[in-house]
Amino acid sequence: MKSGFDVMNVNLYPPNSRSKGRVGLDEHTDPGFVITLTQNVNGGLQFLSHKGKWINSYIPHHGILIQLGDHLEILTNGKYKSHIHRVIVDNNKVQRVSVVSLHGPSLDKVIGPGEEFVDDEHPKKYHDTTYKASLEANGDLIDVQSSLEDLRI
């Protein structure tokens, strides 16, 4: 890939005394191949386990969390998963700031399951689509919300 389409998002979560509920960001997955996240305080981020339990994520100070995105799941035909996660703010004693970067291919790149991940035992699970079309699946504008469910066969 000679070029890519990257998005950076900064999230601000106030202390729990000023928040509007327990959940700062509902459960979701992220588009792209790789997602990086850093935050100013530890805690708040949870991942859904394969057993359906929420697990707290602890990111060391000055650490960077690296996650797999929806389009890597598509490319590997589901072998590697884009993890469902959410942000909980009810324990925020101080303001929480997170910086998330989504890294993907160029917008005109067609993404689909790679041929090395598809065979008789592992049929194709996702439709091929351009990266741009998958980002526009939620409306007319490029959006960084997941469209993984829409791409499943």
N, C-alpha and C. Protein backbone atom coordinates (compact mmCIF):
# COMPACT_ATOMS: atom_id res chain seq x y z
N MET A 1 0.84 -1.18 0.00
CA MET A 1 0.00 0.00 0.00
C MET A 1 0.88 1.24 0.00
N LYS A 2 0.69 2.07 -1.00
CA LYS A 2 1.48 3.29 -1.11
C LYS A 2 0.86 4.45 -0.33
N SER A 3 -0.44 4.35 -0.09
CA SER A 3 -1.11 5.42 0.64
C SER A 3 -2.17 4.80 1.53
N GLY A 4 -2.61 5.57 2.48
CA GLY A 4 -3.64 5.10 3.39
C GLY A 4 -4.55 6.23 3.81
N PHE A 5 -5.57 5.89 4.53
CA PHE A 5 -6.51 6.87 5.05
C PHE A 5 -6.54 6.70 6.56
N ASP A 6 -6.05 7.68 7.27
CA ASP A 6 -5.96 7.63 8.72
C ASP A 6 -6.86 8.69 9.33
N VAL A 7 -7.43 8.36 10.48
CA VAL A 7 -8.30 9.29 11.20
C VAL A 7 -7.84 9.33 12.64
N MET A 8 -7.77 10.53 13.21
CA MET A 8 -7.43 10.67 14.62
C MET A 8 -8.62 11.32 15.32
N ASN A 9 -8.96 10.78 16.48
CA ASN A 9 -10.10 11.28 17.24
C ASN A 9 -9.65 11.50 18.68
N VAL A 10 -10.00 12.66 19.25
CA VAL A 10 -9.70 12.95 20.64
C VAL A 10 -11.02 12.94 21.40
N ASN A 11 -11.08 12.13 22.46
CA ASN A 11 -12.28 12.02 23.28
C ASN A 11 -12.03 12.61 24.65
N LEU A 12 -12.97 13.40 25.13
CA LEU A 12 -12.88 14.01 26.45
C LEU A 12 -14.03 13.49 27.30
N TYR A 13 -13.71 12.87 28.42
CA TYR A 13 -14.71 12.35 29.35
C TYR A 13 -14.55 13.09 30.67
N PRO A 14 -15.58 13.81 31.12
CA PRO A 14 -15.47 14.58 32.37
C PRO A 14 -15.45 13.65 33.59
N PRO A 15 -15.08 14.19 34.76
CA PRO A 15 -15.18 13.39 35.99
C PRO A 15 -16.62 12.90 36.17
N ASN A 16 -16.80 11.78 36.88
CA ASN A 16 -18.13 11.19 36.98
C ASN A 16 -19.16 12.12 37.60
N SER A 17 -18.74 13.10 38.37
CA SER A 17 -19.70 14.03 38.97
C SER A 17 -20.40 14.87 37.90
N ARG A 18 -19.80 14.97 36.69
CA ARG A 18 -20.41 15.77 35.62
C ARG A 18 -20.81 14.93 34.42
N SER A 19 -20.61 13.62 34.49
CA SER A 19 -20.97 12.79 33.35
C SER A 19 -22.47 12.54 33.34
N LYS A 20 -22.97 12.12 32.19
CA LYS A 20 -24.41 11.94 32.01
C LYS A 20 -24.83 10.48 32.09
N GLY A 21 -24.02 9.66 32.72
CA GLY A 21 -24.34 8.25 32.85
C GLY A 21 -23.10 7.41 33.05
N ARG A 22 -23.31 6.11 33.10
CA ARG A 22 -22.22 5.17 33.36
C ARG A 22 -21.36 4.94 32.13
N VAL A 23 -21.97 4.92 30.95
CA VAL A 23 -21.25 4.59 29.72
C VAL A 23 -20.88 5.87 28.98
N GLY A 24 -19.58 6.03 28.71
CA GLY A 24 -19.10 7.18 27.96
C GLY A 24 -19.20 6.96 26.47
N LEU A 25 -19.03 5.71 26.04
CA LEU A 25 -19.12 5.34 24.63
C LEU A 25 -19.62 3.90 24.58
N ASP A 26 -20.78 3.69 23.93
CA ASP A 26 -21.40 2.37 23.87
C ASP A 26 -20.50 1.35 23.18
N GLU A 27 -20.84 0.09 23.35
CA GLU A 27 -20.05 -0.99 22.75
C GLU A 27 -20.01 -0.84 21.24
N HIS A 28 -18.81 -1.11 20.67
CA HIS A 28 -18.60 -0.94 19.24
C HIS A 28 -17.29 -1.61 18.83
N THR A 29 -17.09 -1.72 17.54
CA THR A 29 -15.79 -2.07 16.97
C THR A 29 -15.36 -0.89 16.12
N ASP A 30 -14.11 -0.89 15.69
CA ASP A 30 -13.59 0.25 14.92
C ASP A 30 -13.19 -0.18 13.51
N PRO A 31 -13.44 0.67 12.52
CA PRO A 31 -12.99 0.38 11.16
C PRO A 31 -11.48 0.53 11.04
N GLY A 32 -10.95 0.05 9.94
CA GLY A 32 -9.52 0.16 9.68
C GLY A 32 -8.82 -1.16 9.89
N PHE A 33 -7.49 -1.14 9.68
CA PHE A 33 -6.67 -2.33 9.90
C PHE A 33 -6.17 -2.37 11.34
N VAL A 34 -5.58 -1.26 11.78
CA VAL A 34 -4.98 -1.18 13.11
C VAL A 34 -5.45 0.11 13.77
N ILE A 35 -5.74 0.02 15.06
CA ILE A 35 -6.18 1.17 15.84
C ILE A 35 -5.19 1.34 16.99
N THR A 36 -4.75 2.57 17.21
CA THR A 36 -3.88 2.85 18.35
C THR A 36 -4.61 3.78 19.30
N LEU A 37 -4.38 3.59 20.59
CA LEU A 37 -5.04 4.41 21.59
C LEU A 37 -4.06 4.72 22.71
N THR A 38 -4.07 5.95 23.13
CA THR A 38 -3.34 6.36 24.32
C THR A 38 -4.28 7.25 25.12
N GLN A 39 -4.08 7.28 26.44
CA GLN A 39 -4.95 8.08 27.29
C GLN A 39 -4.16 8.63 28.47
N ASN A 40 -4.71 9.67 29.09
CA ASN A 40 -3.99 10.35 30.16
C ASN A 40 -4.14 9.68 31.52
N VAL A 41 -5.14 8.84 31.70
CA VAL A 41 -5.34 8.12 32.96
C VAL A 41 -5.62 6.66 32.66
N ASN A 42 -5.39 5.82 33.63
CA ASN A 42 -5.63 4.40 33.45
C ASN A 42 -7.09 4.08 33.74
N GLY A 43 -7.64 3.13 33.03
CA GLY A 43 -8.99 2.66 33.29
C GLY A 43 -10.02 3.26 32.35
N GLY A 44 -11.22 2.70 32.41
CA GLY A 44 -12.33 3.19 31.62
C GLY A 44 -12.63 2.37 30.38
N LEU A 45 -11.61 1.76 29.79
CA LEU A 45 -11.80 0.98 28.57
C LEU A 45 -12.05 -0.49 28.93
N GLN A 46 -13.11 -1.06 28.36
CA GLN A 46 -13.44 -2.46 28.59
C GLN A 46 -13.60 -3.19 27.26
N PHE A 47 -13.19 -4.47 27.25
CA PHE A 47 -13.36 -5.34 26.09
C PHE A 47 -14.31 -6.47 26.44
N LEU A 48 -15.11 -6.89 25.47
CA LEU A 48 -16.04 -7.99 25.66
C LEU A 48 -15.30 -9.30 25.36
N SER A 49 -15.25 -10.20 26.34
CA SER A 49 -14.56 -11.47 26.17
C SER A 49 -15.40 -12.42 25.31
N HIS A 50 -14.79 -13.50 24.86
CA HIS A 50 -15.50 -14.51 24.07
C HIS A 50 -16.57 -15.22 24.91
N LYS A 51 -16.53 -15.05 26.24
CA LYS A 51 -17.54 -15.63 27.13
C LYS A 51 -18.65 -14.63 27.48
N GLY A 52 -18.59 -13.43 26.87
CA GLY A 52 -19.63 -12.44 27.10
C GLY A 52 -19.46 -11.59 28.35
N LYS A 53 -18.29 -11.59 28.94
CA LYS A 53 -18.00 -10.78 30.14
C LYS A 53 -17.15 -9.57 29.75
N TRP A 54 -17.42 -8.44 30.40
CA TRP A 54 -16.63 -7.23 30.16
C TRP A 54 -15.36 -7.30 31.00
N ILE A 55 -14.22 -7.03 30.35
CA ILE A 55 -12.90 -7.09 31.00
C ILE A 55 -12.29 -5.70 30.97
N ASN A 56 -11.83 -5.22 32.13
CA ASN A 56 -11.17 -3.92 32.20
C ASN A 56 -9.81 -3.99 31.53
N SER A 57 -9.48 -2.94 30.79
CA SER A 57 -8.19 -2.84 30.14
C SER A 57 -7.35 -1.83 30.90
N TYR A 58 -6.12 -2.20 31.17
CA TYR A 58 -5.21 -1.30 31.87
C TYR A 58 -4.06 -0.95 30.95
N ILE A 59 -3.93 0.31 30.63
CA ILE A 59 -2.88 0.78 29.74
C ILE A 59 -1.86 1.54 30.60
N PRO A 60 -0.62 1.08 30.63
CA PRO A 60 0.40 1.77 31.45
C PRO A 60 0.57 3.23 31.03
N HIS A 61 1.00 4.06 31.98
CA HIS A 61 1.29 5.46 31.70
C HIS A 61 2.28 5.56 30.54
N HIS A 62 2.01 6.38 29.58
CA HIS A 62 2.79 6.56 28.36
C HIS A 62 2.72 5.33 27.44
N GLY A 63 1.78 4.43 27.71
CA GLY A 63 1.63 3.24 26.88
C GLY A 63 0.70 3.50 25.69
N ILE A 64 0.80 2.64 24.71
CA ILE A 64 -0.07 2.70 23.53
C ILE A 64 -0.72 1.34 23.37
N LEU A 65 -2.03 1.33 23.32
CA LEU A 65 -2.79 0.10 23.08
C LEU A 65 -2.95 -0.05 21.57
N ILE A 66 -2.69 -1.24 21.06
CA ILE A 66 -2.87 -1.51 19.64
C ILE A 66 -3.97 -2.54 19.49
N GLN A 67 -5.00 -2.20 18.71
CA GLN A 67 -6.14 -3.09 18.48
C GLN A 67 -6.23 -3.44 17.01
N LEU A 68 -6.90 -4.54 16.74
CA LEU A 68 -7.18 -4.93 15.37
C LEU A 68 -8.52 -4.34 14.96
N GLY A 69 -8.60 -3.84 13.73
CA GLY A 69 -9.82 -3.20 13.25
C GLY A 69 -10.67 -4.11 12.38
N ASP A 70 -11.85 -3.60 12.02
CA ASP A 70 -12.82 -4.35 11.22
C ASP A 70 -12.24 -4.85 9.91
N HIS A 71 -11.44 -4.03 9.26
CA HIS A 71 -10.96 -4.39 7.93
C HIS A 71 -9.86 -5.44 7.96
N LEU A 72 -9.18 -5.57 9.10
CA LEU A 72 -8.25 -6.69 9.25
C LEU A 72 -9.05 -7.98 9.46
N GLU A 73 -10.17 -7.88 10.18
CA GLU A 73 -11.05 -9.04 10.33
C GLU A 73 -11.58 -9.49 8.96
N ILE A 74 -11.97 -8.53 8.14
CA ILE A 74 -12.47 -8.86 6.79
C ILE A 74 -11.35 -9.49 5.96
N LEU A 75 -10.18 -8.88 5.95
CA LEU A 75 -9.06 -9.37 5.17
C LEU A 75 -8.67 -10.80 5.55
N THR A 76 -8.78 -11.15 6.85
CA THR A 76 -8.43 -12.49 7.31
C THR A 76 -9.64 -13.42 7.36
N ASN A 77 -10.77 -12.97 6.80
CA ASN A 77 -12.01 -13.77 6.74
C ASN A 77 -12.44 -14.22 8.14
N GLY A 78 -12.22 -13.36 9.12
CA GLY A 78 -12.66 -13.64 10.48
C GLY A 78 -11.66 -14.38 11.34
N LYS A 79 -10.50 -14.72 10.81
CA LYS A 79 -9.48 -15.42 11.63
C LYS A 79 -9.04 -14.54 12.78
N TYR A 80 -8.78 -13.27 12.49
CA TYR A 80 -8.47 -12.29 13.53
C TYR A 80 -9.69 -11.40 13.70
N LYS A 81 -10.03 -11.09 14.94
CA LYS A 81 -11.27 -10.37 15.24
C LYS A 81 -11.02 -8.91 15.62
N SER A 82 -11.94 -8.08 15.20
CA SER A 82 -12.03 -6.70 15.67
C SER A 82 -12.80 -6.76 16.98
N HIS A 83 -12.17 -6.39 18.09
CA HIS A 83 -12.77 -6.60 19.40
C HIS A 83 -13.85 -5.58 19.74
N ILE A 84 -14.93 -6.07 20.32
CA ILE A 84 -15.99 -5.19 20.82
C ILE A 84 -15.49 -4.57 22.10
N HIS A 85 -15.64 -3.25 22.21
CA HIS A 85 -15.19 -2.54 23.40
C HIS A 85 -16.12 -1.37 23.70
N ARG A 86 -15.96 -0.81 24.89
CA ARG A 86 -16.76 0.35 25.31
C ARG A 86 -15.95 1.15 26.32
N VAL A 87 -16.46 2.35 26.63
CA VAL A 87 -15.82 3.21 27.63
C VAL A 87 -16.80 3.43 28.78
N ILE A 88 -16.33 3.14 29.98
CA ILE A 88 -17.12 3.33 31.20
C ILE A 88 -16.56 4.54 31.94
N VAL A 89 -17.45 5.45 32.35
CA VAL A 89 -16.99 6.69 32.98
C VAL A 89 -17.48 6.85 34.42
N ASP A 90 -18.23 5.89 34.95
CA ASP A 90 -18.79 6.09 36.30
C ASP A 90 -17.74 6.10 37.40
N ASN A 91 -16.53 5.62 37.11
CA ASN A 91 -15.46 5.65 38.12
C ASN A 91 -14.45 6.77 37.88
N ASN A 92 -14.69 7.63 36.89
CA ASN A 92 -13.76 8.72 36.60
C ASN A 92 -13.71 9.70 37.77
N LYS A 93 -12.56 9.75 38.41
CA LYS A 93 -12.38 10.74 39.47
C LYS A 93 -11.79 12.03 38.91
N VAL A 94 -11.15 11.90 37.76
CA VAL A 94 -10.57 13.06 37.08
C VAL A 94 -11.00 13.01 35.62
N GLN A 95 -10.80 14.10 34.93
CA GLN A 95 -11.10 14.16 33.50
C GLN A 95 -10.23 13.14 32.75
N ARG A 96 -10.85 12.41 31.82
CA ARG A 96 -10.13 11.40 31.03
C ARG A 96 -10.09 11.87 29.58
N VAL A 97 -8.89 11.84 29.00
CA VAL A 97 -8.71 12.20 27.60
C VAL A 97 -8.07 11.01 26.89
N SER A 98 -8.65 10.60 25.77
CA SER A 98 -8.04 9.52 24.98
C SER A 98 -7.84 10.02 23.56
N VAL A 99 -6.77 9.53 22.94
CA VAL A 99 -6.46 9.86 21.56
C VAL A 99 -6.44 8.53 20.80
N VAL A 100 -7.34 8.41 19.83
CA VAL A 100 -7.49 7.18 19.05
C VAL A 100 -7.14 7.48 17.60
N SER A 101 -6.32 6.62 17.01
CA SER A 101 -5.99 6.75 15.59
C SER A 101 -6.39 5.47 14.88
N LEU A 102 -7.15 5.62 13.80
CA LEU A 102 -7.56 4.49 12.98
C LEU A 102 -6.75 4.52 11.70
N HIS A 103 -6.08 3.41 11.40
CA HIS A 103 -5.19 3.34 10.25
C HIS A 103 -5.76 2.34 9.25
N GLY A 104 -6.00 2.80 8.03
CA GLY A 104 -6.56 1.94 7.01
C GLY A 104 -5.91 2.17 5.66
N PRO A 105 -6.40 1.46 4.66
CA PRO A 105 -5.84 1.59 3.31
C PRO A 105 -6.34 2.86 2.64
N SER A 106 -5.94 3.08 1.39
CA SER A 106 -6.46 4.22 0.64
C SER A 106 -7.96 4.01 0.44
N LEU A 107 -8.68 5.10 0.25
CA LEU A 107 -10.14 5.03 0.16
C LEU A 107 -10.64 4.20 -1.01
N ASP A 108 -9.89 4.14 -2.11
CA ASP A 108 -10.35 3.40 -3.29
C ASP A 108 -9.92 1.93 -3.29
N LYS A 109 -9.22 1.50 -2.25
CA LYS A 109 -8.76 0.11 -2.16
C LYS A 109 -9.93 -0.82 -1.89
N VAL A 110 -10.05 -1.90 -2.67
CA VAL A 110 -11.09 -2.90 -2.44
C VAL A 110 -10.60 -3.85 -1.36
N ILE A 111 -11.42 -4.00 -0.34
CA ILE A 111 -11.09 -4.87 0.79
C ILE A 111 -12.07 -6.04 0.79
N GLY A 112 -11.53 -7.23 0.88
CA GLY A 112 -12.32 -8.46 0.99
C GLY A 112 -11.43 -9.53 1.57
N PRO A 113 -11.99 -10.68 1.86
CA PRO A 113 -11.18 -11.77 2.41
C PRO A 113 -10.06 -12.16 1.45
N GLY A 114 -8.85 -12.29 1.99
CA GLY A 114 -7.71 -12.72 1.19
C GLY A 114 -7.86 -14.18 0.79
N GLU A 115 -7.42 -14.51 -0.42
CA GLU A 115 -7.61 -15.87 -0.93
C GLU A 115 -6.95 -16.92 -0.04
N GLU A 116 -5.89 -16.57 0.68
CA GLU A 116 -5.24 -17.54 1.56
C GLU A 116 -6.07 -17.85 2.81
N PHE A 117 -7.14 -17.08 3.05
CA PHE A 117 -8.02 -17.31 4.20
C PHE A 117 -9.35 -17.94 3.82
N VAL A 118 -9.55 -18.24 2.54
CA VAL A 118 -10.80 -18.81 2.06
C VAL A 118 -10.52 -20.17 1.42
N ASP A 119 -11.27 -21.19 1.86
CA ASP A 119 -11.18 -22.52 1.25
C ASP A 119 -12.48 -23.26 1.54
N ASP A 120 -12.53 -24.55 1.24
CA ASP A 120 -13.76 -25.32 1.45
C ASP A 120 -14.18 -25.36 2.91
N GLU A 121 -13.23 -25.39 3.82
CA GLU A 121 -13.54 -25.42 5.25
C GLU A 121 -13.82 -24.03 5.82
N HIS A 122 -13.39 -22.99 5.10
CA HIS A 122 -13.55 -21.61 5.56
C HIS A 122 -14.12 -20.78 4.41
N PRO A 123 -15.44 -20.90 4.16
CA PRO A 123 -16.03 -20.13 3.06
C PRO A 123 -15.95 -18.63 3.32
N LYS A 124 -16.05 -17.88 2.26
CA LYS A 124 -15.99 -16.41 2.33
C LYS A 124 -17.11 -15.89 3.24
N LYS A 125 -16.74 -15.06 4.22
CA LYS A 125 -17.70 -14.55 5.21
C LYS A 125 -18.08 -13.09 5.00
N TYR A 126 -17.34 -12.37 4.14
CA TYR A 126 -17.56 -10.93 3.98
C TYR A 126 -17.60 -10.56 2.51
N HIS A 127 -18.41 -9.55 2.18
CA HIS A 127 -18.46 -9.00 0.83
C HIS A 127 -17.22 -8.15 0.58
N ASP A 128 -16.78 -8.09 -0.67
CA ASP A 128 -15.72 -7.16 -1.08
C ASP A 128 -16.35 -5.78 -1.22
N THR A 129 -15.62 -4.76 -0.81
CA THR A 129 -16.08 -3.38 -0.97
C THR A 129 -14.88 -2.46 -0.89
N THR A 130 -15.04 -1.25 -1.40
CA THR A 130 -13.95 -0.29 -1.23
C THR A 130 -13.96 0.20 0.21
N TYR A 131 -12.81 0.63 0.65
CA TYR A 131 -12.70 1.16 2.01
C TYR A 131 -13.64 2.35 2.18
N LYS A 132 -13.69 3.21 1.16
CA LYS A 132 -14.57 4.39 1.22
C LYS A 132 -16.03 3.98 1.35
N ALA A 133 -16.48 3.00 0.56
CA ALA A 133 -17.88 2.57 0.62
C ALA A 133 -18.21 2.01 2.00
N SER A 134 -17.27 1.29 2.60
CA SER A 134 -17.55 0.75 3.93
C SER A 134 -17.64 1.86 4.98
N LEU A 135 -16.86 2.92 4.81
CA LEU A 135 -16.93 4.05 5.74
C LEU A 135 -18.18 4.89 5.51
N GLU A 136 -18.72 4.87 4.29
CA GLU A 136 -19.93 5.64 3.99
C GLU A 136 -21.20 4.85 4.23
N ALA A 137 -21.09 3.61 4.69
CA ALA A 137 -22.25 2.74 4.87
C ALA A 137 -23.27 3.30 5.86
N ASN A 138 -22.83 4.16 6.75
CA ASN A 138 -23.73 4.72 7.76
C ASN A 138 -24.32 6.07 7.35
N GLY A 139 -24.12 6.47 6.11
CA GLY A 139 -24.65 7.75 5.65
C GLY A 139 -23.87 8.24 4.45
N ASP A 140 -24.11 9.48 4.06
CA ASP A 140 -23.49 10.05 2.87
C ASP A 140 -22.04 10.46 3.07
N LEU A 141 -21.65 10.69 4.30
CA LEU A 141 -20.30 11.16 4.57
C LEU A 141 -19.43 10.03 5.10
N ILE A 142 -18.14 10.18 4.96
CA ILE A 142 -17.23 9.21 5.54
C ILE A 142 -17.39 9.28 7.05
N ASP A 143 -17.61 8.13 7.65
CA ASP A 143 -17.87 8.03 9.07
C ASP A 143 -16.92 7.00 9.65
N VAL A 144 -16.54 7.13 10.88
CA VAL A 144 -15.63 6.16 11.47
C VAL A 144 -16.39 5.16 12.34
N GLN A 145 -17.68 4.98 12.09
CA GLN A 145 -18.45 3.96 12.78
C GLN A 145 -18.30 2.65 12.04
N SER A 146 -18.39 1.56 12.75
CA SER A 146 -18.23 0.24 12.17
C SER A 146 -19.38 -0.10 11.23
N SER A 147 -19.06 -0.73 10.10
CA SER A 147 -20.08 -1.27 9.19
C SER A 147 -19.84 -2.77 8.99
N LEU A 148 -19.15 -3.39 9.95
CA LEU A 148 -18.77 -4.80 9.83
C LEU A 148 -19.98 -5.70 9.63
N GLU A 149 -21.04 -5.47 10.37
CA GLU A 149 -22.24 -6.32 10.25
C GLU A 149 -22.85 -6.23 8.86
N ASP A 150 -22.80 -5.06 8.25
CA ASP A 150 -23.36 -4.87 6.90
C ASP A 150 -22.55 -5.62 5.83
N LEU A 151 -21.30 -5.92 6.12
CA LEU A 151 -20.43 -6.57 5.13
C LEU A 151 -20.39 -8.09 5.27
N ARG A 152 -21.03 -8.61 6.33
CA ARG A 152 -21.08 -10.06 6.50
C ARG A 152 -21.99 -10.69 5.45
N ILE A 153 -21.57 -11.84 4.94
CA ILE A 153 -22.40 -12.59 3.97
C ILE A 153 -23.39 -13.42 4.73
